[in-house]
Amino acid sequence: MQSKKKKTILILTLIIIFIATLLDLIYQGLFFQLLPKPIQSYIGNLL
């Protein structure tokens, strides 16, 4: 039972991190600003 609970928590954590990363890239947050300029411009053109 413990293994299933740990697995669920891990999956939820990964989903939250994924969503947070997407929102950071969309709204050009801190992680986005730390990226090199060429990558920023590439992502900016995609979004």
Protein backbone atom coordinates (compact mmCIF):
# COMPACT_ATOMS: atom_id res chain seq x y z
CA MET A 1 0.00 0.00 0.00
CA GLN A 2 2.87 2.35 0.76
CA SER A 3 4.36 1.84 -2.69
CA LYS A 4 1.13 2.88 -4.40
CA LYS A 5 0.91 6.02 -2.24
CA LYS A 6 4.50 6.97 -3.02
CA LYS A 7 3.92 6.40 -6.73
CA THR A 8 0.82 8.62 -6.69
CA ILE A 9 2.67 11.42 -4.88
CA LEU A 10 5.56 11.16 -7.35
CA ILE A 11 3.24 11.38 -10.36
CA LEU A 12 1.37 14.36 -8.90
CA THR A 13 4.65 16.12 -8.16
CA LEU A 14 5.89 15.58 -11.71
CA ILE A 15 2.64 16.88 -13.18
CA ILE A 16 2.79 20.01 -11.01
CA ILE A 17 6.42 20.66 -12.01
CA PHE A 18 5.55 20.18 -15.69
CA ILE A 19 2.64 22.63 -15.49
CA ALA A 20 4.75 25.15 -13.57
CA THR A 21 7.49 24.94 -16.21
CA LEU A 22 5.01 25.48 -19.04
CA LEU A 23 3.48 28.49 -17.30
CA ASP A 24 6.95 29.92 -16.64
CA LEU A 25 7.85 29.64 -20.32
CA ILE A 26 4.54 31.09 -21.49
CA TYR A 27 4.70 34.09 -19.15
CA GLN A 28 8.50 34.44 -19.46
CA GLY A 29 9.23 33.96 -15.78
CA LEU A 30 12.47 33.37 -13.90
CA PHE A 31 13.40 30.06 -15.56
CA PHE A 32 12.79 31.59 -18.99
CA GLN A 33 15.01 34.58 -18.18
CA LEU A 34 17.85 32.28 -17.12
CA LEU A 35 17.92 30.63 -20.55
CA PRO A 36 20.43 31.84 -23.17
CA LYS A 37 19.12 34.55 -25.52
CA PRO A 38 18.98 32.35 -28.66
CA ILE A 39 16.83 29.79 -26.84
CA GLN A 40 14.61 32.58 -25.48
CA SER A 41 14.00 33.93 -28.94
CA TYR A 42 13.30 30.43 -30.31
CA ILE A 43 10.76 29.74 -27.57
CA GLY A 44 9.31 33.21 -28.01
CA ASN A 45 8.70 32.47 -31.68
CA LEU A 46 7.02 29.16 -30.85
CA LEU A 47 4.64 30.73 -28.36
